[in-house]
Amino acid sequence: MKLAHSTHLDALCGEYLVGTLRGAARRRFERAVREEPGVARQLQYWQRFTPGRYTKMVEAQPPAKGWQRLERELDLARYRMPWHRRTGFWRGWAVAATSALVILVGADLLNQEAAAPQVVQIAQLQGKVAAASVTAHLSKDGRTVVLHPDRPVIAGPAQSFELWLIPADGKPLSVAVLGNLDARFELPPAHRGRLRPGAQLAVSTEPAGGSPTGQPTGPVIFAGPIRI
């Protein structure tokens, strides 16, 4: 089939002139230009519209009134809006800020989780009411005590709760003075290694600030043996 009769001849001429017709296809087209007068004439026709013929016309500057008219009719002034008033700017800023906040919060939560020591339950302290209890946990490194009551237990304005360690000899040792039995605190160095089976934990109600004598003075409201 002669290329001169192809319905794609104009497209091939255009691709040849702009340089997108390459390789074997370009060589076939150039052979057709040499061998088929119709292809050569069509290529000459399109060559009249190449940029080289109209370079000066393309470089001509339109009158200022023409630009003003285009700006007015196309409402181009809206694209000159200051950066701080552009919706796209604030939308992008909000997305970036939100992403940064999510990353920071996630990193903080991971850091907190990594920093929090792992704990194991060591005792279940029972109260005078059968339904009331406090669970005691100890970190695996033996440095941190965590208390979790099954219901809120908060001392009054003139009271404190005091946690006692009662070893096998029966002499109570103060562990912590608390205003709330939902608590996490560091175990005093002198008591580390002493929270073991055979001892008990107890909570008494004391004056604000703790027992004035170093021994329980108020009623014991929770108590239970240590079991690890």
Foldseek 3Di string as FASTA:
>chain_A
DQLLPDPCLLVLLVCLLVVNQDDPRNVVLVVSCVVPVSSVVSNVVVVCVDCVNCVVVVPDDDDPVVVVVCCVVVVVVVVVDDLVPDPVNVVVVVVVVVVVVVVVVVVVVVVVVVPDADKDWWKWWAFPDRVWIKTWIAGPVQWKIFIDIPDKDFDDPFKWKWKWKQALVGATATFDIHRTRGDMDTGPPVCRPVQEFRIKMWIFIDTPPDHPVRGHDGDTGIMTTTHD
